[in-house]
Amino acid sequence: MKSIKILFTLLSFAFLIVYFSCNPVGRKKDNENNIIDTTITLKTIYQRGIINTITALKNPLCSYSFYIPKDSLPNYPVLLLLDPHAKGTFTVSLYQQLAEKYDIILISSNNIRNQMSLIEIDSYISQIITDAKEFLAIDTNRLYLGGFSGTARAIYQIASNSNKYKGIVAIGAGLNQPFPWKDSTFCLIQMAGFKDMNFQEVYESHLIQRNISTLYMAFLYEDIHQWPIDTIMEFAWINFFGKNKTEQAKSFILKFYQYAQQIPMRDSWKKTLLFGGLRSMCYNIKYYQFPFNEINNYLNKFESKNALKQLQNILKTEQKEKEELAANFLNKDSVWWAKTIKYYCEVDQKKQLSPSDYKDIRIKYYLGLLSYSYTRNALQQNRMDLARNFLQIYRQLEPFNPDMMYFWSVFLVKQKQYSRAIDSLSKAIKLGFSDKLLLQNENSFINIKDSLRFLNIISRIK
């Protein structure tokens, strides 16, 4: 009889394991069902070595994606990256190999986006960290933040007002005042591409931040305004997590040193900026082998210092041109704009670029940003005459921009051209527009929201 009871108990336990391992409901609050074994339940919600996307236990509207390495360590540092378009899964996919290489948990929000208040952003961050701690081996003493463009501006403020982060990496956006001192271990990293429309802003911020006592580094490189590729983003990983990974650091430094050696003399400013970033990394990780002395000697040469003076003169000219072009949005006709845009687009097609050409390319992308901002504001204010003019400028600058096509759909639907509006919206989706929430909340779409074509478009957005 006793053996039968034991057998029955074992079979019951086995049934519970199978049931809860296969149960698609996922996590449950502790007070919902005390029978559920916590370990078994949590094992069903994520896998190592792949990107996982889940919602927070206490807030189903809070969605985030994360990657945890394949190995099994007692705990991991965490880098939480914020994408300005709330593309958390995409952002994690960019750097999952770095997360594996440096043994960190990489997280990104699928809610946080541009135009959110700092209170909203900080609330989502807190919810994500609180939720993730329930089932991931997080080292809460090693939390880092990263942001790009608008979300980079947000993390400056959030980290300034908090002591729970060990460092931040801000990409494509600067800070026009000194970052508050934290402690000797807090690491502030700024990054931007030479063609980034905000390069001037980041460089001027660099001149401010390098004089503060916080551990600060800037890495400036060949790229436009976008998340950097992983081989560039590794700069932040090494400085945050790679102090004991000498071989990885050495490989990174040698690779960019050799690349910089190929830069022609006319672009000495680029070589100087790259070497400045590499030297700051060497100081941080205490790497003084080859080519540290070569880098340091170059940065002390007249050639290097003179190159920076020339760059600063170009950036002053750039700022003046930006201000003039911003004013011209309202007082220049389409003929003038067509000629101006043609000039900037032709510069962007050059293979050999002078320092002045880099300035013009940054201005071209800046005009795209102005087009976005002016068009959005004109549509919100129902200034359809201005909206049309701004959209025409926008289309000439960036004919394949998904936001531009989305704004055309809003413009057309306000003109009661419903079929053309849906055509434009469809093109926007094909070009990569993916902000489903914005589509669903756009009041001007009320007359097309029930159409089969519109519903089909919505269903195509992942």
Protein backbone atom coordinates (compact mmCIF):
# COMPACT_ATOMS: atom_id res chain seq x y z
CA MET A 1 0.00 0.00 0.00
CA LYS A 2 2.87 2.33 0.94
CA SER A 3 4.58 1.68 -2.42
CA ILE A 4 1.35 2.53 -4.26
CA LYS A 5 1.17 5.90 -2.44
CA ILE A 6 4.79 6.65 -3.33
CA LEU A 7 4.15 5.73 -6.95
CA PHE A 8 1.05 7.93 -7.03
CA THR A 9 2.99 10.86 -5.56
CA LEU A 10 5.78 10.49 -8.11
CA LEU A 11 3.30 10.29 -11.00
CA SER A 12 1.50 13.41 -9.74
CA PHE A 13 4.76 15.33 -9.48
CA ALA A 14 5.78 14.24 -12.98
CA PHE A 15 2.41 15.37 -14.32
CA LEU A 16 2.86 18.82 -12.75
CA ILE A 17 6.31 19.18 -14.29
CA VAL A 18 5.06 18.24 -17.78
CA TYR A 19 1.97 20.42 -17.47
CA PHE A 20 3.70 23.57 -16.34
CA SER A 21 6.66 23.10 -18.67
CA CYS A 22 4.33 23.02 -21.66
CA ASN A 23 1.78 25.51 -20.40
CA PRO A 24 1.84 28.53 -22.79
CA VAL A 25 0.49 30.92 -20.17
CA GLY A 26 4.07 31.59 -18.99
CA ARG A 27 4.70 33.43 -15.74
CA LYS A 28 2.15 33.74 -12.99
CA LYS A 29 2.16 35.93 -9.92
CA ASP A 30 3.17 34.06 -6.78
CA ASN A 31 -0.24 34.57 -5.21
CA GLU A 32 -2.15 33.25 -8.23
CA ASN A 33 -1.18 29.63 -7.78
CA ASN A 34 1.03 28.55 -4.91
CA ILE A 35 1.33 25.04 -6.33
CA ILE A 36 3.53 26.22 -9.23
CA ASP A 37 7.22 25.69 -8.59
CA THR A 38 8.92 29.03 -9.28
CA THR A 39 11.97 27.53 -10.97
CA ILE A 40 9.89 25.42 -13.32
CA THR A 41 7.62 28.33 -14.22
CA LEU A 42 10.47 30.74 -14.93
CA LYS A 43 12.28 28.22 -17.13
CA THR A 44 9.37 28.38 -19.56
CA ILE A 45 9.70 32.10 -20.29
CA TYR A 46 13.16 32.47 -21.81
CA GLN A 47 15.98 30.64 -23.55
CA ARG A 48 19.69 31.31 -23.52
CA GLY A 49 21.47 32.21 -26.72
CA ILE A 50 18.43 33.66 -28.52
CA ILE A 51 16.45 36.91 -28.39
CA ASN A 52 13.48 36.69 -26.03
CA THR A 53 10.56 39.11 -26.02
CA ILE A 54 8.21 39.21 -23.03
CA THR A 55 5.90 41.52 -21.12
CA ALA A 56 6.40 42.57 -17.51
CA LEU A 57 4.60 40.50 -14.93
CA LYS A 58 2.97 43.48 -13.22
CA ASN A 59 2.29 45.45 -16.41
CA PRO A 60 1.34 43.52 -19.57
CA LEU A 61 1.73 46.75 -21.57
CA CYS A 62 5.45 46.91 -20.74
CA SER A 63 7.23 44.86 -23.40
CA TYR A 64 10.96 44.29 -23.71
CA SER A 65 13.43 42.07 -25.52
CA PHE A 66 16.61 40.62 -24.08
CA TYR A 67 19.53 38.32 -24.77
CA ILE A 68 21.27 36.23 -22.11
CA PRO A 69 24.51 34.38 -22.96
CA LYS A 70 24.62 30.62 -23.43
CA ASP A 71 26.92 30.04 -20.47
CA SER A 72 25.68 29.96 -16.89
CA LEU A 73 27.30 32.50 -14.57
CA PRO A 74 26.16 33.43 -11.05
CA ASN A 75 25.22 36.91 -12.30
CA TYR A 76 25.68 39.25 -15.24
CA PRO A 77 26.07 42.99 -15.77
CA VAL A 78 23.21 44.55 -17.74
CA LEU A 79 23.18 47.03 -20.61
CA LEU A 80 19.74 48.49 -21.33
CA LEU A 81 19.61 50.12 -24.77
CA LEU A 82 16.80 52.51 -25.74
CA ASP A 83 15.82 52.85 -29.39
CA PRO A 84 14.09 56.12 -30.40
CA HIS A 85 11.47 54.15 -32.35
CA ALA A 86 10.84 51.51 -29.65
CA LYS A 87 12.42 48.77 -31.79
CA GLY A 88 13.68 46.72 -28.88
CA THR A 89 13.95 43.39 -30.66
CA PHE A 90 15.82 44.95 -33.58
CA THR A 91 18.22 46.77 -31.25
CA VAL A 92 19.06 43.59 -29.33
CA SER A 93 19.64 41.77 -32.62
CA LEU A 94 22.34 44.32 -33.56
CA TYR A 95 24.50 43.48 -30.56
CA GLN A 96 23.59 39.99 -29.38
CA GLN A 97 26.99 38.66 -30.46
CA LEU A 98 28.70 41.30 -28.31
CA ALA A 99 26.50 40.29 -25.38
CA GLU A 100 27.64 36.71 -25.82
CA LYS A 101 31.29 37.70 -26.27
CA TYR A 102 31.44 39.87 -23.14
CA ASP A 103 29.05 37.86 -20.91
CA ILE A 104 26.36 40.48 -20.34
CA ILE A 105 22.58 40.58 -20.41
CA LEU A 106 21.41 42.92 -23.15
CA ILE A 107 17.91 44.41 -22.82
CA SER A 108 15.91 46.85 -24.95
CA SER A 109 12.43 48.31 -24.49
CA ASN A 110 9.64 47.90 -27.04
CA ASN A 111 7.76 50.86 -25.53
CA ILE A 112 10.24 53.67 -24.97
CA ARG A 113 10.46 56.05 -27.91
CA ASN A 114 11.05 59.67 -28.90
CA GLN A 115 8.53 62.24 -27.66
CA MET A 116 8.01 60.42 -24.35
CA SER A 117 8.43 62.37 -21.14
CA LEU A 118 11.39 61.61 -18.90
CA ILE A 119 8.95 60.41 -16.24
CA GLU A 120 7.46 57.85 -18.65
CA ILE A 121 10.86 56.66 -19.83
CA ASP A 122 12.23 56.32 -16.31
CA SER A 123 9.09 54.45 -15.25
CA TYR A 124 9.47 51.90 -18.06
CA ILE A 125 13.16 51.43 -17.25
CA SER A 126 12.33 50.75 -13.59
CA GLN A 127 9.58 48.30 -14.52
CA ILE A 128 11.89 46.41 -16.87
CA ILE A 129 14.74 46.13 -14.36
CA THR A 130 12.37 45.14 -11.54
CA ASP A 131 10.71 42.52 -13.73
CA ALA A 132 13.95 41.10 -15.15
CA LYS A 133 15.46 40.70 -11.68
CA GLU A 134 12.72 38.17 -10.88
CA PHE A 135 14.09 35.56 -13.27
CA LEU A 136 17.45 36.69 -14.65
CA ALA A 137 20.78 36.58 -12.79
CA ILE A 138 21.29 40.35 -12.81
CA ASP A 139 24.11 42.08 -10.97
CA THR A 140 22.27 45.21 -9.83
CA ASN A 141 25.58 46.87 -9.01
CA ARG A 142 26.52 46.82 -12.69
CA LEU A 143 23.67 48.46 -14.59
CA TYR A 144 24.45 50.49 -17.73
CA LEU A 145 22.27 52.59 -20.02
CA GLY A 146 22.57 53.32 -23.74
CA GLY A 147 20.56 55.47 -26.12
CA PHE A 148 20.59 56.72 -29.68
CA SER A 149 19.52 60.18 -30.87
CA GLY A 150 16.44 61.26 -28.87
CA THR A 151 16.81 58.49 -26.31
CA ALA A 152 20.48 59.45 -25.85
CA ARG A 153 19.26 62.87 -24.73
CA ALA A 154 16.91 61.15 -22.29
CA ILE A 155 19.57 58.97 -20.67
CA TYR A 156 21.78 61.99 -20.01
CA GLN A 157 19.01 63.35 -17.79
CA ILE A 158 18.00 60.03 -16.24
CA ALA A 159 21.56 59.06 -15.32
CA SER A 160 22.26 62.58 -14.05
CA ASN A 161 19.51 62.19 -11.47
CA SER A 162 20.31 58.63 -10.38
CA ASN A 163 23.17 56.77 -8.74
CA LYS A 164 22.12 53.26 -9.76
CA TYR A 165 23.96 53.23 -13.10
CA LYS A 166 27.67 52.53 -13.56
CA GLY A 167 27.85 54.15 -16.98
CA ILE A 168 26.04 55.35 -20.09
CA VAL A 169 26.77 55.34 -23.81
CA ALA A 170 25.07 58.16 -25.74
CA ILE A 171 25.09 57.89 -29.54
CA GLY A 172 24.24 60.66 -31.99
CA ALA A 173 23.40 63.33 -29.41
CA GLY A 174 25.43 65.65 -27.20
CA LEU A 175 25.02 67.41 -23.87
CA ASN A 176 25.62 71.17 -23.78
CA GLN A 177 26.60 71.26 -20.10
CA PRO A 178 28.98 69.25 -17.93
CA PHE A 179 27.61 65.88 -16.89
CA PRO A 180 27.30 65.77 -13.08
CA TRP A 181 30.16 64.02 -11.32
CA LYS A 182 29.19 60.59 -9.95
CA ASP A 183 32.22 58.70 -8.71
CA SER A 184 35.59 57.61 -10.05
CA THR A 185 34.16 54.42 -11.57
CA PHE A 186 31.23 55.97 -13.49
CA CYS A 187 31.91 55.81 -17.23
CA LEU A 188 30.44 58.28 -19.73
CA ILE A 189 30.86 57.44 -23.43
CA GLN A 190 29.74 59.57 -26.38
CA MET A 191 29.72 58.28 -29.94
CA ALA A 192 28.87 59.73 -33.36
CA GLY A 193 29.70 59.27 -37.02
CA PHE A 194 31.60 61.83 -39.08
CA LYS A 195 28.52 62.18 -41.32
CA ASP A 196 26.04 62.28 -38.44
CA MET A 197 23.84 65.37 -38.63
CA ASN A 198 24.51 65.79 -34.89
CA PHE A 199 28.28 65.38 -35.20
CA GLN A 200 28.90 69.06 -34.45
CA GLU A 201 26.74 68.83 -31.34
CA VAL A 202 28.52 65.70 -30.09
CA TYR A 203 31.97 67.15 -30.79
CA GLU A 204 31.19 70.36 -28.92
CA SER A 205 29.82 68.27 -26.06
CA HIS A 206 33.08 66.32 -26.12
CA LEU A 207 35.02 69.55 -25.57
CA ILE A 208 32.91 70.16 -22.46
CA GLN A 209 32.82 66.65 -21.01
CA ARG A 210 36.55 65.95 -21.35
CA ASN A 211 37.20 68.54 -18.64
CA ILE A 212 35.07 66.88 -16.00
CA SER A 213 36.42 64.42 -13.42
CA THR A 214 34.08 61.60 -14.46
CA LEU A 215 35.70 58.80 -16.48
CA TYR A 216 34.85 60.09 -19.96
CA MET A 217 35.54 58.86 -23.48
CA ALA A 218 34.44 59.84 -26.98
CA PHE A 219 34.62 57.62 -30.04
CA LEU A 220 34.04 59.34 -33.40
CA TYR A 221 34.06 57.26 -36.57
CA GLU A 222 32.98 56.91 -40.20
CA ASP A 223 29.18 56.64 -40.28
CA ILE A 224 25.87 58.49 -40.56
CA HIS A 225 23.14 59.07 -37.95
CA GLN A 226 22.27 55.51 -36.95
CA TRP A 227 23.08 52.78 -34.43
CA PRO A 228 26.75 51.89 -35.09
CA ILE A 229 27.66 48.45 -36.35
CA ASP A 230 28.81 46.00 -33.69
CA THR A 231 32.51 46.29 -34.59
CA ILE A 232 32.31 49.99 -33.69
CA MET A 233 29.91 49.61 -30.76
CA GLU A 234 32.45 47.23 -29.24
CA PHE A 235 34.28 50.35 -28.04
CA ALA A 236 31.60 50.79 -25.37
CA TRP A 237 31.55 47.07 -24.52
CA ILE A 238 35.29 46.96 -23.91
CA ASN A 239 35.26 50.05 -21.72
CA PHE A 240 32.24 48.85 -19.73
CA PHE A 241 32.89 45.10 -19.54
CA GLY A 242 36.26 44.25 -21.05
CA LYS A 243 38.90 45.33 -18.56
CA ASN A 244 39.88 41.69 -18.05
CA LYS A 245 39.61 40.81 -21.74
CA THR A 246 43.03 41.99 -22.87
CA GLU A 247 43.07 40.12 -26.18
CA GLN A 248 39.73 41.58 -27.31
CA ALA A 249 40.88 45.08 -26.38
CA LYS A 250 44.21 44.62 -28.14
CA SER A 251 42.49 43.36 -31.29
CA PHE A 252 40.12 46.36 -31.33
CA ILE A 253 42.89 48.90 -30.80
CA LEU A 254 45.15 47.36 -33.46
CA LYS A 255 42.32 47.16 -35.99
CA PHE A 256 41.43 50.85 -35.73
CA TYR A 257 45.07 51.90 -35.46
CA GLN A 258 45.81 50.17 -38.77
CA TYR A 259 42.67 51.68 -40.32
CA ALA A 260 43.66 55.18 -39.18
CA GLN A 261 47.13 54.77 -40.68
CA GLN A 262 45.49 54.57 -44.12
CA ILE A 263 43.68 57.91 -43.73
CA PRO A 264 45.17 60.55 -46.11
CA MET A 265 46.79 63.68 -44.70
CA ARG A 266 43.92 65.93 -45.84
CA ASP A 267 41.74 64.02 -43.38
CA SER A 268 44.12 64.31 -40.44
CA TRP A 269 41.14 65.46 -38.34
CA LYS A 270 39.58 61.99 -38.68
CA LYS A 271 42.80 60.25 -37.71
CA THR A 272 43.21 62.59 -34.73
CA LEU A 273 39.66 61.94 -33.49
CA LEU A 274 40.02 58.17 -33.87
CA PHE A 275 43.34 58.17 -32.07
CA GLY A 276 41.85 60.28 -29.29
CA GLY A 277 39.20 57.65 -28.68
CA LEU A 278 41.75 54.82 -28.75
CA ARG A 279 44.03 56.63 -26.31
CA SER A 280 41.19 57.17 -23.85
CA MET A 281 40.42 53.45 -24.06
CA CYS A 282 44.07 52.58 -23.38
CA TYR A 283 44.04 54.76 -20.27
CA ASN A 284 40.77 53.24 -19.06
CA ILE A 285 41.77 49.59 -19.43
CA LYS A 286 45.45 50.28 -18.62
CA TYR A 287 46.74 49.02 -21.95
CA TYR A 288 50.17 50.51 -22.70
CA GLN A 289 51.54 48.07 -25.27
CA PHE A 290 51.93 48.79 -28.99
CA PRO A 291 50.55 51.04 -30.43
CA PHE A 292 49.88 53.21 -27.35
CA ASN A 293 53.12 55.22 -27.66
CA GLU A 294 52.63 55.71 -31.41
CA ILE A 295 49.09 57.00 -30.84
CA ASN A 296 50.17 59.29 -28.02
CA ASN A 297 53.09 60.70 -30.01
CA TYR A 298 50.87 61.48 -33.00
CA LEU A 299 48.32 63.31 -30.83
CA ASN A 300 51.11 65.55 -29.50
CA LYS A 301 52.28 66.56 -32.98
CA PHE A 302 51.54 69.92 -34.62
CA GLU A 303 49.78 68.09 -37.49
CA SER A 304 47.20 66.67 -35.10
CA LYS A 305 46.57 69.89 -33.19
CA ASN A 306 46.33 71.94 -36.39
CA ALA A 307 43.84 69.45 -37.86
CA LEU A 308 41.52 70.00 -34.88
CA LYS A 309 41.71 73.79 -35.30
CA GLN A 310 40.68 73.44 -38.94
CA LEU A 311 37.82 71.14 -37.94
CA GLN A 312 36.57 73.64 -35.37
CA ASN A 313 36.56 76.41 -38.00
CA ILE A 314 34.51 74.23 -40.33
CA LEU A 315 32.04 73.45 -37.56
CA LYS A 316 31.52 77.17 -36.92
CA THR A 317 30.68 77.63 -40.60
CA GLU A 318 28.38 74.61 -40.43
CA GLN A 319 26.36 76.13 -37.61
CA LYS A 320 25.84 79.39 -39.52
CA GLU A 321 24.70 77.54 -42.63
CA LYS A 322 22.24 75.46 -40.60
CA GLU A 323 20.68 78.58 -39.11
CA GLU A 324 20.30 80.19 -42.55
CA LEU A 325 18.74 77.08 -44.06
CA ALA A 326 16.28 76.74 -41.18
CA ALA A 327 15.08 80.29 -41.87
CA ASN A 328 14.82 79.55 -45.61
CA PHE A 329 12.20 76.85 -45.04
CA LEU A 330 9.63 79.62 -44.83
CA ASN A 331 10.89 82.20 -47.30
CA LYS A 332 12.43 80.37 -50.29
CA ASP A 333 10.49 79.02 -53.27
CA SER A 334 10.57 75.53 -54.79
CA VAL A 335 13.05 76.53 -57.52
CA TRP A 336 15.59 77.68 -54.94
CA TRP A 337 15.11 74.54 -52.90
CA ALA A 338 15.45 72.25 -55.92
CA LYS A 339 18.80 73.85 -56.76
CA THR A 340 20.01 73.74 -53.15
CA ILE A 341 18.99 70.13 -52.60
CA LYS A 342 20.63 69.06 -55.86
CA TYR A 343 23.92 70.56 -54.66
CA TYR A 344 23.87 68.71 -51.31
CA CYS A 345 22.79 65.43 -52.90
CA GLU A 346 25.63 65.61 -55.45
CA VAL A 347 28.15 66.11 -52.64
CA ASP A 348 26.77 63.03 -50.92
CA GLN A 349 27.61 60.98 -54.04
CA LYS A 350 31.29 61.90 -54.09
CA LYS A 351 33.83 59.15 -53.45
CA GLN A 352 36.67 61.39 -52.27
CA LEU A 353 35.45 63.78 -49.57
CA SER A 354 37.11 66.91 -48.27
CA PRO A 355 36.45 68.20 -44.73
CA SER A 356 34.04 70.71 -46.30
CA ASP A 357 32.23 67.87 -48.09
CA TYR A 358 31.65 66.14 -44.77
CA LYS A 359 30.10 69.38 -43.54
CA ASP A 360 27.74 69.50 -46.51
CA ILE A 361 26.70 65.87 -46.05
CA ARG A 362 25.87 66.54 -42.40
CA ILE A 363 23.84 69.57 -43.48
CA LYS A 364 21.93 67.42 -45.99
CA TYR A 365 20.88 65.03 -43.22
CA TYR A 366 20.09 68.01 -40.99
CA LEU A 367 17.71 69.29 -43.68
CA GLY A 368 16.00 65.90 -43.59
CA LEU A 369 15.48 66.31 -39.85
CA LEU A 370 14.09 69.83 -40.34
CA SER A 371 11.75 68.51 -43.04
CA TYR A 372 10.46 65.88 -40.62
CA SER A 373 9.93 68.38 -37.81
CA TYR A 374 8.36 71.14 -39.93
CA THR A 375 6.08 68.73 -41.76
CA ARG A 376 4.83 67.11 -38.57
CA ASN A 377 4.09 70.47 -36.96
CA ALA A 378 2.31 71.81 -40.07
CA LEU A 379 0.10 68.71 -40.24
CA GLN A 380 -0.74 68.90 -36.53
CA GLN A 381 -1.76 72.54 -36.99
CA ASN A 382 -3.67 71.76 -40.21
CA ARG A 383 -1.52 74.23 -42.17
CA MET A 384 -1.95 72.29 -45.37
CA ASP A 385 -0.28 74.87 -47.60
CA LEU A 386 2.90 74.72 -45.54
CA ALA A 387 2.67 70.95 -45.16
CA ARG A 388 2.63 70.49 -48.92
CA ASN A 389 5.70 72.71 -49.36
CA PHE A 390 7.62 70.95 -46.60
CA LEU A 391 6.69 67.52 -47.95
CA GLN A 392 7.96 68.44 -51.40
CA ILE A 393 11.30 69.48 -49.89
CA TYR A 394 11.35 66.31 -47.81
CA ARG A 395 10.71 64.11 -50.86
CA GLN A 396 13.52 65.70 -52.85
CA LEU A 397 15.94 65.19 -49.96
CA GLU A 398 14.99 61.65 -48.99
CA PRO A 399 12.74 60.02 -51.62
CA PHE A 400 12.82 56.63 -49.88
CA ASN A 401 12.26 57.80 -46.32
CA PRO A 402 9.36 55.85 -44.71
CA ASP A 403 8.44 58.76 -42.40
CA MET A 404 8.11 61.04 -45.41
CA MET A 405 5.69 58.60 -47.08
CA TYR A 406 3.74 58.29 -43.83
CA PHE A 407 3.35 62.08 -43.66
CA TRP A 408 2.13 62.10 -47.25
CA SER A 409 -0.59 59.63 -46.25
CA VAL A 410 -1.66 61.93 -43.40
CA PHE A 411 -1.64 64.91 -45.76
CA LEU A 412 -3.70 63.10 -48.39
CA VAL A 413 -6.28 61.77 -45.96
CA LYS A 414 -6.76 65.30 -44.62
CA GLN A 415 -7.43 66.29 -48.24
CA LYS A 416 -10.01 63.46 -48.38
CA GLN A 417 -7.97 61.63 -51.01
CA TYR A 418 -8.45 58.32 -49.20
CA SER A 419 -7.28 55.91 -51.86
CA ARG A 420 -4.04 57.83 -52.47
CA ALA A 421 -3.54 58.11 -48.72
CA ILE A 422 -3.67 54.34 -48.35
CA ASP A 423 -1.31 53.96 -51.33
CA SER A 424 1.23 56.22 -49.58
CA LEU A 425 0.79 54.34 -46.34
CA SER A 426 1.43 51.06 -48.10
CA LYS A 427 4.65 52.47 -49.59
CA ALA A 428 5.71 53.67 -46.14
CA ILE A 429 5.32 50.13 -44.77
CA LYS A 430 7.32 48.67 -47.66
CA LEU A 431 10.10 51.19 -46.95
CA GLY A 432 10.26 50.12 -43.32
CA PHE A 433 7.71 52.19 -41.39
CA SER A 434 6.74 50.08 -38.37
CA ASP A 435 5.14 52.35 -35.76
CA LYS A 436 1.79 50.57 -35.39
CA LEU A 437 0.87 52.59 -32.31
CA LEU A 438 1.27 55.86 -34.23
CA LEU A 439 -0.94 54.56 -37.02
CA GLN A 440 -3.64 53.41 -34.64
CA ASN A 441 -3.66 56.71 -32.76
CA GLU A 442 -3.64 59.01 -35.81
CA ASN A 443 -6.99 60.81 -35.60
CA SER A 444 -6.99 61.84 -39.26
CA PHE A 445 -7.23 58.15 -40.26
CA ILE A 446 -10.70 57.79 -38.74
CA ASN A 447 -12.38 57.64 -42.16
CA ILE A 448 -10.15 54.84 -43.45
CA LYS A 449 -9.55 52.76 -40.31
CA ASP A 450 -12.33 50.32 -41.17
CA SER A 451 -11.33 49.79 -44.78
CA LEU A 452 -9.99 46.36 -45.67
CA ARG A 453 -6.87 47.87 -47.26
CA PHE A 454 -6.02 49.80 -44.09
CA LEU A 455 -6.59 46.76 -41.88
CA ASN A 456 -4.40 44.70 -44.17
CA ILE A 457 -1.63 47.31 -43.89
CA ILE A 458 -1.85 47.27 -40.10
CA SER A 459 -1.60 43.48 -40.09
CA ARG A 460 1.66 43.64 -42.07
CA ILE A 461 3.45 45.51 -39.30
CA LYS A 462 5.25 43.13 -36.97
